[in-house]
PDB file of N, CA and C in Angstrom:
ATOM      1  N   UNK A   1      27.097 153.700 134.251  1.00  0.00           N
ATOM      2  CA  UNK A   1      28.177 153.085 133.543  1.00  0.00           C
ATOM      3  C   UNK A   1      27.625 152.281 132.358  1.00  0.00           C
ATOM      4  N   UNK A   2      26.468 151.709 132.585  1.00  0.00           N
ATOM      5  CA  UNK A   2      25.881 150.926 131.527  1.00  0.00           C
ATOM      6  C   UNK A   2      25.585 151.799 130.308  1.00  0.00           C
ATOM      7  N   UNK A   3      25.167 153.019 130.527  1.00  0.00           N
ATOM      8  CA  UNK A   3      24.812 153.898 129.412  1.00  0.00           C
ATOM      9  C   UNK A   3      26.044 154.509 128.743  1.00  0.00           C
ATOM     10  N   UNK A   4      27.104 154.673 129.487  1.00  0.00           N
ATOM     11  CA  UNK A   4      28.289 155.279 128.892  1.00  0.00           C
ATOM     12  C   UNK A   4      28.957 154.333 127.876  1.00  0.00           C
ATOM     13  N   UNK A   5      28.939 153.035 128.119  1.00  0.00           N
ATOM     14  CA  UNK A   5      29.521 152.085 127.174  1.00  0.00           C
ATOM     15  C   UNK A   5      28.677 152.037 125.903  1.00  0.00           C
ATOM     16  N   UNK A   6      27.344 152.066 126.077  1.00  0.00           N
ATOM     17  CA  UNK A   6      26.467 152.048 124.913  1.00  0.00           C
ATOM     18  C   UNK A   6      26.636 153.336 124.117  1.00  0.00           C
ATOM     19  N   UNK A   7      26.756 154.458 124.785  1.00  0.00           N
ATOM     20  CA  UNK A   7      26.925 155.740 124.099  1.00  0.00           C
ATOM     21  C   UNK A   7      28.263 155.771 123.356  1.00  0.00           C
ATOM     22  N   UNK A   8      29.305 155.235 123.942  1.00  0.00           N
ATOM     23  CA  UNK A   8      30.612 155.233 123.296  1.00  0.00           C
ATOM     24  C   UNK A   8      30.580 154.338 122.063  1.00  0.00           C
ATOM     25  N   UNK A   9      29.889 153.211 122.124  1.00  0.00           N
ATOM     26  CA  UNK A   9      29.800 152.307 120.976  1.00  0.00           C
ATOM     27  C   UNK A   9      29.016 152.965 119.839  1.00  0.00           C
ATOM     28  N   UNK A  10      27.924 153.676 120.172  1.00  0.00           N
ATOM     29  CA  UNK A  10      27.139 154.355 119.141  1.00  0.00           C
ATOM     30  C   UNK A  10      27.928 155.486 118.503  1.00  0.00           C
ATOM     31  N   UNK A  11      28.658 156.250 119.295  1.00  0.00           N
ATOM     32  CA  UNK A  11      29.471 157.350 118.752  1.00  0.00           C
ATOM     33  C   UNK A  11      30.553 156.802 117.838  1.00  0.00           C
ATOM     34  N   UNK A  12      31.160 155.712 118.211  1.00  0.00           N
ATOM     35  CA  UNK A  12      32.191 155.107 117.379  1.00  0.00           C
ATOM     36  C   UNK A  12      31.620 154.636 116.046  1.00  0.00           C
ATOM     37  N   UNK A  13      30.431 154.045 116.082  1.00  0.00           N
ATOM     38  CA  UNK A  13      29.801 153.568 114.850  1.00  0.00           C
ATOM     39  C   UNK A  13      29.439 154.733 113.938  1.00  0.00           C
ATOM     40  N   UNK A  14      28.934 155.812 114.506  1.00  0.00           N
ATOM     41  CA  UNK A  14      28.568 156.988 113.702  1.00  0.00           C
ATOM     42  C   UNK A  14      29.806 157.635 113.102  1.00  0.00           C
ATOM     43  N   UNK A  15      30.851 157.748 113.896  1.00  0.00           N
ATOM     44  CA  UNK A  15      32.072 158.381 113.397  1.00  0.00           C
ATOM     45  C   UNK A  15      32.703 157.570 112.264  1.00  0.00           C
ATOM     46  N   UNK A  16      32.711 156.280 112.404  1.00  0.00           N
ATOM     47  CA  UNK A  16      33.321 155.450 111.365  1.00  0.00           C
ATOM     48  C   UNK A  16      32.490 155.438 110.086  1.00  0.00           C
ATOM     49  N   UNK A  17      31.165 155.481 110.214  1.00  0.00           N
ATOM     50  CA  UNK A  17      30.333 155.458 109.017  1.00  0.00           C
ATOM     51  C   UNK A  17      30.267 156.823 108.351  1.00  0.00           C
ATOM     52  N   UNK A  18      30.616 157.860 109.066  1.00  0.00           N
ATOM     53  CA  UNK A  18      30.569 159.200 108.503  1.00  0.00           C
ATOM     54  C   UNK A  18      31.817 159.534 107.700  1.00  0.00           C
ATOM     55  N   UNK A  19      32.865 158.731 107.802  1.00  0.00           N
ATOM     56  CA  UNK A  19      34.102 159.018 107.076  1.00  0.00           C
ATOM     57  C   UNK A  19      33.875 158.827 105.584  1.00  0.00           C
ATOM     58  N   UNK A  20      34.501 159.663 104.816  1.00  0.00           N
ATOM     59  CA  UNK A  20      34.377 159.569 103.375  1.00  0.00           C
ATOM     60  C   UNK A  20      35.288 158.450 102.874  1.00  0.00           C
ATOM     61  N   UNK A  21      34.735 157.581 102.080  1.00  0.00           N
ATOM     62  CA  UNK A  21      35.500 156.492 101.530  1.00  0.00           C
ATOM     63  C   UNK A  21      36.015 156.902 100.159  1.00  0.00           C
ATOM     64  N   UNK A  22      37.252 156.577  99.849  1.00  0.00           N
ATOM     65  CA  UNK A  22      37.759 156.903  98.519  1.00  0.00           C
ATOM     66  C   UNK A  22      37.113 155.990  97.470  1.00  0.00           C
ATOM     67  N   UNK A  23      37.249 156.365  96.230  1.00  0.00           N
ATOM     68  CA  UNK A  23      36.698 155.556  95.154  1.00  0.00           C
ATOM     69  C   UNK A  23      37.359 154.170  95.178  1.00  0.00           C
ATOM     70  N   UNK A  24      36.660 153.200  94.691  1.00  0.00           N
ATOM     71  CA  UNK A  24      37.160 151.842  94.717  1.00  0.00           C
ATOM     72  C   UNK A  24      38.352 151.718  93.772  1.00  0.00           C
ATOM     73  N   UNK A  25      39.462 151.210  94.316  1.00  0.00           N
ATOM     74  CA  UNK A  25      40.672 151.030  93.533  1.00  0.00           C
ATOM     75  C   UNK A  25      40.908 149.539  93.362  1.00  0.00           C
ATOM     76  N   UNK A  26      41.103 149.154  92.116  1.00  0.00           N
ATOM     77  CA  UNK A  26      41.354 147.749  91.840  1.00  0.00           C
ATOM     78  C   UNK A  26      42.862 147.530  91.836  1.00  0.00           C
ATOM     79  N   UNK A  27      43.337 146.648  92.696  1.00  0.00           N
ATOM     80  CA  UNK A  27      44.764 146.341  92.780  1.00  0.00           C
ATOM     81  C   UNK A  27      45.003 145.017  92.063  1.00  0.00           C
ATOM     82  N   UNK A  28      45.825 145.079  91.034  1.00  0.00           N
ATOM     83  CA  UNK A  28      46.131 143.865  90.277  1.00  0.00           C
ATOM     84  C   UNK A  28      47.363 143.212  90.899  1.00  0.00           C
ATOM     85  N   UNK A  29      47.290 141.953  91.294  1.00  0.00           N
ATOM     86  CA  UNK A  29      48.463 141.303  91.889  1.00  0.00           C
ATOM     87  C   UNK A  29      49.554 141.093  90.822  1.00  0.00           C
ATOM     88  N   UNK A  30      50.778 141.067  91.284  1.00  0.00           N
ATOM     89  CA  UNK A  30      51.918 140.869  90.379  1.00  0.00           C
ATOM     90  C   UNK A  30      51.840 139.470  89.776  1.00  0.00           C
ATOM     91  N   UNK A  31      52.375 139.347  88.572  1.00  0.00           N
ATOM     92  CA  UNK A  31      52.364 138.047  87.905  1.00  0.00           C
ATOM     93  C   UNK A  31      53.210 137.059  88.703  1.00  0.00           C
ATOM     94  N   UNK A  32      52.725 135.853  88.793  1.00  0.00           N
ATOM     95  CA  UNK A  32      53.445 134.825  89.549  1.00  0.00           C
ATOM     96  C   UNK A  32      54.724 134.449  88.790  1.00  0.00           C
ATOM     97  N   UNK A  33      55.828 134.274  89.510  1.00  0.00           N
ATOM     98  CA  UNK A  33      57.071 133.903  88.815  1.00  0.00           C
ATOM     99  C   UNK A  33      56.943 132.502  88.203  1.00  0.00           C
ATOM    100  N   UNK A  34      57.694 132.295  87.125  1.00  0.00           N
ATOM    101  CA  UNK A  34      57.662 130.988  86.463  1.00  0.00           C
ATOM    102  C   UNK A  34      58.296 129.949  87.385  1.00  0.00           C
ATOM    103  N   UNK A  35      57.741 128.753  87.451  1.00  0.00           N
ATOM    104  CA  UNK A  35      58.332 127.730  88.335  1.00  0.00           C
ATOM    105  C   UNK A  35      59.719 127.321  87.840  1.00  0.00           C
ATOM    106  N   UNK A  36      60.596 127.046  88.776  1.00  0.00           N
ATOM    107  CA  UNK A  36      61.963 126.635  88.456  1.00  0.00           C
ATOM    108  C   UNK A  36      62.011 125.112  88.437  1.00  0.00           C
ATOM    109  N   UNK A  37      62.452 124.564  87.309  1.00  0.00           N
ATOM    110  CA  UNK A  37      62.535 123.109  87.196  1.00  0.00           C
ATOM    111  C   UNK A  37      63.882 122.639  87.729  1.00  0.00           C
ATOM    112  N   UNK A  38      63.844 121.683  88.622  1.00  0.00           N
ATOM    113  CA  UNK A  38      65.065 121.105  89.195  1.00  0.00           C
ATOM    114  C   UNK A  38      65.184 119.680  88.681  1.00  0.00           C
ATOM    115  N   UNK A  39      66.296 119.390  88.020  1.00  0.00           N
ATOM    116  CA  UNK A  39      66.490 118.050  87.470  1.00  0.00           C
ATOM    117  C   UNK A  39      66.796 117.070  88.597  1.00  0.00           C
ATOM    118  N   UNK A  40      66.069 115.990  88.638  1.00  0.00           N
ATOM    119  CA  UNK A  40      66.287 114.952  89.649  1.00  0.00           C
ATOM    120  C   UNK A  40      66.991 113.797  88.950  1.00  0.00           C
ATOM    121  N   UNK A  41      68.142 113.353  89.454  1.00  0.00           N
ATOM    122  CA  UNK A  41      68.862 112.274  88.768  1.00  0.00           C
ATOM    123  C   UNK A  41      68.077 110.971  88.819  1.00  0.00           C
ATOM    124  N   UNK A  42      68.174 110.236  87.743  1.00  0.00           N
ATOM    125  CA  UNK A  42      67.480 108.950  87.652  1.00  0.00           C
ATOM    126  C   UNK A  42      68.367 107.834  88.171  1.00  0.00           C
ATOM    127  N   UNK A  43      67.968 106.603  87.944  1.00  0.00           N
ATOM    128  CA  UNK A  43      68.782 105.479  88.425  1.00  0.00           C
ATOM    129  C   UNK A  43      70.087 105.371  87.638  1.00  0.00           C
ATOM    130  N   UNK A  44      71.072 104.702  88.194  1.00  0.00           N
ATOM    131  CA  UNK A  44      72.378 104.546  87.558  1.00  0.00           C
ATOM    132  C   UNK A  44      72.256 103.660  86.332  1.00  0.00           C
ATOM    133  N   UNK A  45      73.071 103.965  85.333  1.00  0.00           N
ATOM    134  CA  UNK A  45      73.067 103.193  84.101  1.00  0.00           C
ATOM    135  C   UNK A  45      73.888 101.921  84.251  1.00  0.00           C
ATOM    136  N   UNK A  46      73.957 101.098  83.202  1.00  0.00           N
ATOM    137  CA  UNK A  46      74.720  99.848  83.282  1.00  0.00           C
ATOM    138  C   UNK A  46      76.225 100.112  83.314  1.00  0.00           C
ATOM    139  N   UNK A  47      76.967  99.117  83.796  1.00  0.00           N
ATOM    140  CA  UNK A  47      78.422  99.214  83.894  1.00  0.00           C
ATOM    141  C   UNK A  47      79.017  99.305  82.500  1.00  0.00           C
ATOM    142  N   UNK A  48      80.030 100.154  82.317  1.00  0.00           N
ATOM    143  CA  UNK A  48      80.678 100.301  81.030  1.00  0.00           C
ATOM    144  C   UNK A  48      81.645  99.154  80.748  1.00  0.00           C
ATOM    145  N   UNK A  49      82.124  99.081  79.517  1.00  0.00           N
ATOM    146  CA  UNK A  49      83.062  98.042  79.109  1.00  0.00           C
ATOM    147  C   UNK A  49      84.424  98.324  79.744  1.00  0.00           C
ATOM    148  N   UNK A  50      85.099  97.253  80.198  1.00  0.00           N
ATOM    149  CA  UNK A  50      86.394  97.426  80.852  1.00  0.00           C
ATOM    150  C   UNK A  50      87.439  97.804  79.818  1.00  0.00           C
ATOM    151  N   UNK A  51      88.303  98.727  80.169  1.00  0.00           N
ATOM    152  CA  UNK A  51      89.329  99.198  79.253  1.00  0.00           C
ATOM    153  C   UNK A  51      90.481  98.217  79.115  1.00  0.00           C
ATOM    154  N   UNK A  52      91.369  98.458  78.119  1.00  0.00           N
ATOM    155  CA  UNK A  52      92.536  97.610  77.888  1.00  0.00           C
ATOM    156  C   UNK A  52      93.548  97.797  79.006  1.00  0.00           C
ATOM    157  N   UNK A  53      94.375  96.762  79.219  1.00  0.00           N
ATOM    158  CA  UNK A  53      95.418  96.833  80.239  1.00  0.00           C
ATOM    159  C   UNK A  53      96.499  97.804  79.770  1.00  0.00           C
ATOM    160  N   UNK A  54      97.102  98.495  80.702  1.00  0.00           N
ATOM    161  CA  UNK A  54      98.154  99.455  80.367  1.00  0.00           C
ATOM    162  C   UNK A  54      99.412  98.708  79.937  1.00  0.00           C
ATOM    163  N   UNK A  55     100.196  99.254  79.001  1.00  0.00           N
ATOM    164  CA  UNK A  55     101.431  98.585  78.578  1.00  0.00           C
ATOM    165  C   UNK A  55     102.464  98.615  79.696  1.00  0.00           C
ATOM    166  N   UNK A  56     103.353  97.587  79.694  1.00  0.00           N
ATOM    167  CA  UNK A  56     104.370  97.490  80.738  1.00  0.00           C
ATOM    168  C   UNK A  56     105.439  98.546  80.487  1.00  0.00           C
ATOM    169  N   UNK A  57     105.911  99.177  81.528  1.00  0.00           N
ATOM    170  CA  UNK A  57     106.932 100.217  81.412  1.00  0.00           C
ATOM    171  C   UNK A  57     108.304  99.633  81.148  1.00  0.00           C
ATOM    172  N   UNK A  58     109.232 100.484  80.748  1.00  0.00           N
ATOM    173  CA  UNK A  58     110.596 100.044  80.460  1.00  0.00           C
ATOM    174  C   UNK A  58     111.328  99.712  81.749  1.00  0.00           C
ATOM    175  N   UNK A  59     112.310  98.789  81.641  1.00  0.00           N
ATOM    176  CA  UNK A  59     113.126  98.415  82.786  1.00  0.00           C
ATOM    177  C   UNK A  59     114.158  99.502  83.010  1.00  0.00           C
ATOM    178  N   UNK A  60     114.425  99.827  84.243  1.00  0.00           N
ATOM    179  CA  UNK A  60     115.395 100.867  84.570  1.00  0.00           C
ATOM    180  C   UNK A  60     116.821 100.400  84.342  1.00  0.00           C
ATOM    181  N   UNK A  61     117.753 101.332  84.294  1.00  0.00           N
ATOM    182  CA  UNK A  61     119.168 101.016  84.064  1.00  0.00           C
ATOM    183  C   UNK A  61     119.746 100.301  85.283  1.00  0.00           C
ATOM    184  N   UNK A  62     120.713  99.388  85.044  1.00  0.00           N
ATOM    185  CA  UNK A  62     121.378  98.670  86.123  1.00  0.00           C
ATOM    186  C   UNK A  62     122.461  99.565  86.709  1.00  0.00           C
ATOM    187  N   UNK A  63     122.597  99.559  88.006  1.00  0.00           N
ATOM    188  CA  UNK A  63     123.607 100.394  88.665  1.00  0.00           C
ATOM    189  C   UNK A  63     125.012  99.844  88.430  1.00  0.00           C
ATOM    190  N   UNK A  64     126.028 100.688  88.596  1.00  0.00           N
ATOM    191  CA  UNK A  64     127.428 100.257  88.392  1.00  0.00           C
ATOM    192  C   UNK A  64     127.916  99.440  89.592  1.00  0.00           C
ATOM    193  N   UNK A  65     128.940  98.596  89.344  1.00  0.00           N
ATOM    194  CA  UNK A  65     129.501  97.759  90.392  1.00  0.00           C
ATOM    195  C   UNK A  65     130.322  98.622  91.329  1.00  0.00           C
ATOM    196  N   UNK A  66     130.282  98.326  92.594  1.00  0.00           N
ATOM    197  CA  UNK A  66     131.024  99.114  93.573  1.00  0.00           C
ATOM    198  C   UNK A  66     132.519  98.854  93.494  1.00  0.00           C
ATOM    199  N   UNK A  67     133.322  99.756  94.037  1.00  0.00           N
ATOM    200  CA  UNK A  67     134.789  99.632  94.025  1.00  0.00           C
ATOM    201  C   UNK A  67     135.227  98.548  95.004  1.00  0.00           C
ATOM    202  N   UNK A  68     136.358  97.869  94.697  1.00  0.00           N
ATOM    203  CA  UNK A  68     136.908  96.835  95.577  1.00  0.00           C
ATOM    204  C   UNK A  68     137.609  97.524  96.738  1.00  0.00           C
ATOM    205  N   UNK A  69     137.494  96.947  97.923  1.00  0.00           N
ATOM    206  CA  UNK A  69     138.114  97.537  99.103  1.00  0.00           C
ATOM    207  C   UNK A  69     139.629  97.356  99.104  1.00  0.00           C
ATOM    208  N   UNK A  70     140.348  98.166  99.875  1.00  0.00           N
ATOM    209  CA  UNK A  70     141.820  98.102  99.962  1.00  0.00           C
ATOM    210  C   UNK A  70     142.245  96.876 100.765  1.00  0.00           C
ATOM    211  N   UNK A  71     143.440  96.315 100.456  1.00  0.00           N
ATOM    212  CA  UNK A  71     143.978  95.157 101.174  1.00  0.00           C
ATOM    213  C   UNK A  71     144.463  95.621 102.535  1.00  0.00           C
ATOM    214  N   UNK A  72     144.246  94.805 103.558  1.00  0.00           N
ATOM    215  CA  UNK A  72     144.661  95.168 104.913  1.00  0.00           C
ATOM    216  C   UNK A  72     146.177  95.131 105.079  1.00  0.00           C
ATOM    217  N   UNK A  73     146.698  95.826 106.080  1.00  0.00           N
ATOM    218  CA  UNK A  73     148.147  95.861 106.357  1.00  0.00           C
ATOM    219  C   UNK A  73     148.598  94.557 106.995  1.00  0.00           C
ATOM    220  N   UNK A  74     149.856  94.170 106.783  1.00  0.00           N
ATOM    221  CA  UNK A  74     150.418  92.973 107.394  1.00  0.00           C
ATOM    222  C   UNK A  74     150.740  93.303 108.843  1.00  0.00           C
ATOM    223  N   UNK A  75     150.478  92.359 109.741  1.00  0.00           N
ATOM    224  CA  UNK A  75     150.734  92.600 111.156  1.00  0.00           C
ATOM    225  C   UNK A  75     152.227  92.596 111.481  1.00  0.00           C
ATOM    226  N   UNK A  76     152.602  93.195 112.606  1.00  0.00           N
ATOM    227  CA  UNK A  76     154.010  93.248 113.035  1.00  0.00           C
ATOM    228  C   UNK A  76     154.436  91.889 113.588  1.00  0.00           C
ATOM    229  N   UNK A  77     155.744  91.558 113.514  1.00  0.00           N
ATOM    230  CA  UNK A  77     156.242  90.275 113.999  1.00  0.00           C
ATOM    231  C   UNK A  77     156.283  90.315 115.522  1.00  0.00           C
ATOM    232  N   UNK A  78     155.953  89.187 116.154  1.00  0.00           N
ATOM    233  CA  UNK A  78     155.946  89.122 117.609  1.00  0.00           C
ATOM    234  C   UNK A  78     157.359  89.120 118.192  1.00  0.00           C
ATOM    235  N   UNK A  79     157.495  89.417 119.493  1.00  0.00           N
ATOM    236  CA  UNK A  79     158.796  89.428 120.188  1.00  0.00           C
ATOM    237  C   UNK A  79     159.279  87.998 120.437  1.00  0.00           C
ATOM    238  N   UNK A  80     160.572  87.831 120.498  1.00  0.00           N
ATOM    239  CA  UNK A  80     161.164  86.529 120.807  1.00  0.00           C
ATOM    240  C   UNK A  80     161.056  86.320 122.313  1.00  0.00           C
ATOM    241  N   UNK A  81     160.771  85.074 122.726  1.00  0.00           N
ATOM    242  CA  UNK A  81     160.619  84.783 124.147  1.00  0.00           C
ATOM    243  C   UNK A  81     161.958  84.786 124.895  1.00  0.00           C
ATOM    244  N   UNK A  82     161.905  84.903 126.237  1.00  0.00           N
ATOM    245  CA  UNK A  82     163.114  84.893 127.078  1.00  0.00           C
ATOM    246  C   UNK A  82     163.664  83.471 127.198  1.00  0.00           C
ATOM    247  N   UNK A  83     164.932  83.379 127.429  1.00  0.00           N
ATOM    248  CA  UNK A  83     165.572  82.082 127.636  1.00  0.00           C
ATOM    249  C   UNK A  83     165.195  81.584 129.024  1.00  0.00           C
ATOM    250  N   UNK A  84     164.933  80.268 129.164  1.00  0.00           N
ATOM    251  CA  UNK A  84     164.534  79.703 130.442  1.00  0.00           C
ATOM    252  C   UNK A  84     165.707  79.623 131.439  1.00  0.00           C
ATOM    253  N   UNK A  85     165.369  79.485 132.733  1.00  0.00           N
ATOM    254  CA  UNK A  85     166.383  79.352 133.785  1.00  0.00           C
ATOM    255  C   UNK A  85     166.975  77.948 133.784  1.00  0.00           C
ATOM    256  N   UNK A  86     168.192  77.844 134.202  1.00  0.00           N
ATOM    257  CA  UNK A  86     168.845  76.545 134.298  1.00  0.00           C
ATOM    258  C   UNK A  86     168.461  75.924 135.633  1.00  0.00           C
ATOM    259  N   UNK A  87     168.133  74.616 135.647  1.00  0.00           N
ATOM    260  CA  UNK A  87     167.722  73.940 136.868  1.00  0.00           C
ATOM    261  C   UNK A  87     168.914  73.610 137.771  1.00  0.00           C
ATOM    262  N   UNK A  88     168.636  73.255 139.075  1.00  0.00           N
ATOM    263  CA  UNK A  88     169.697  72.871 140.017  1.00  0.00           C
ATOM    264  C   UNK A  88     170.177  71.480 139.677  1.00  0.00           C
ATOM    265  N   UNK A  89     171.369  71.218 139.931  1.00  0.00           N
ATOM    266  CA  UNK A  89     171.884  69.870 139.700  1.00  0.00           C
ATOM    267  C   UNK A  89     172.227  69.217 141.039  1.00  0.00           C
ATOM    268  N   UNK A  90     172.117  67.884 141.107  1.00  0.00           N
ATOM    269  CA  UNK A  90     172.546  67.132 142.264  1.00  0.00           C
ATOM    270  C   UNK A  90     171.476  66.855 143.273  1.00  0.00           C
ATOM    271  N   UNK A  91     170.302  67.386 143.203  1.00  0.00           N
ATOM    272  CA  UNK A  91     169.234  67.075 144.162  1.00  0.00           C
ATOM    273  C   UNK A  91     168.502  65.851 143.680  1.00  0.00           C
ATOM    274  N   UNK A  92     168.307  64.871 144.560  1.00  0.00           N
ATOM    275  CA  UNK A  92     167.571  63.677 144.229  1.00  0.00           C
ATOM    276  C   UNK A  92     166.301  63.683 145.021  1.00  0.00           C
ATOM    277  N   UNK A  93     165.228  63.371 144.401  1.00  0.00           N
ATOM    278  CA  UNK A  93     163.930  63.337 145.063  1.00  0.00           C
ATOM    279  C   UNK A  93     163.499  61.895 145.103  1.00  0.00           C
ATOM    280  N   UNK A  94     163.129  61.386 146.297  1.00  0.00           N
ATOM    281  CA  UNK A  94     162.658  60.005 146.449  1.00  0.00           C
ATOM    282  C   UNK A  94     161.188  60.063 146.787  1.00  0.00           C
ATOM    283  N   UNK A  95     160.433  59.308 146.048  1.00  0.00           N
ATOM    284  CA  UNK A  95     158.997  59.254 146.270  1.00  0.00           C
ATOM    285  C   UNK A  95     158.676  57.926 146.936  1.00  0.00           C
ATOM    286  N   UNK A  96     158.122  57.935 148.146  1.00  0.00           N
ATOM    287  CA  UNK A  96     157.797  56.716 148.878  1.00  0.00           C
ATOM    288  C   UNK A  96     156.293  56.498 148.743  1.00  0.00           C
ATOM    289  N   UNK A  97     155.903  55.265 148.267  1.00  0.00           N
ATOM    290  CA  UNK A  97     154.458  55.022 148.153  1.00  0.00           C
ATOM    291  C   UNK A  97     153.827  54.818 149.533  1.00  0.00           C
ATOM    292  N   UNK A  98     152.636  55.183 149.702  1.00  0.00           N
ATOM    293  CA  UNK A  98     151.966  54.984 151.016  1.00  0.00           C
ATOM    294  C   UNK A  98     151.635  53.526 151.258  1.00  0.00           C
ATOM    295  N   UNK A  99     151.579  53.050 152.509  1.00  0.00           N
ATOM    296  CA  UNK A  99     151.272  51.653 152.823  1.00  0.00           C
ATOM    297  C   UNK A  99     149.867  51.370 152.902  1.00  0.00           C
TER     298      UNK A  99
END
């Protein structure tokens, strides 16, 4: 077994070195793309001048006055009361104070 591994390694080396190599080809790498510049915002600038106040708007139209309500109806006259009963005559009531 020891000799078979050595023989296989030697055969592999001979086979690889016996292969015909093609002529040397020079491969030129593609040109590198141009770098892309990204703008980075700087610090904030100073506060601007405050603008003028807006002019006051026109006043709206006044609404019309509402209509006056109708006068209520007069109530009906009440009924006349009944004539009272005539009392008894001739009975005398005596009130005796307690002692």
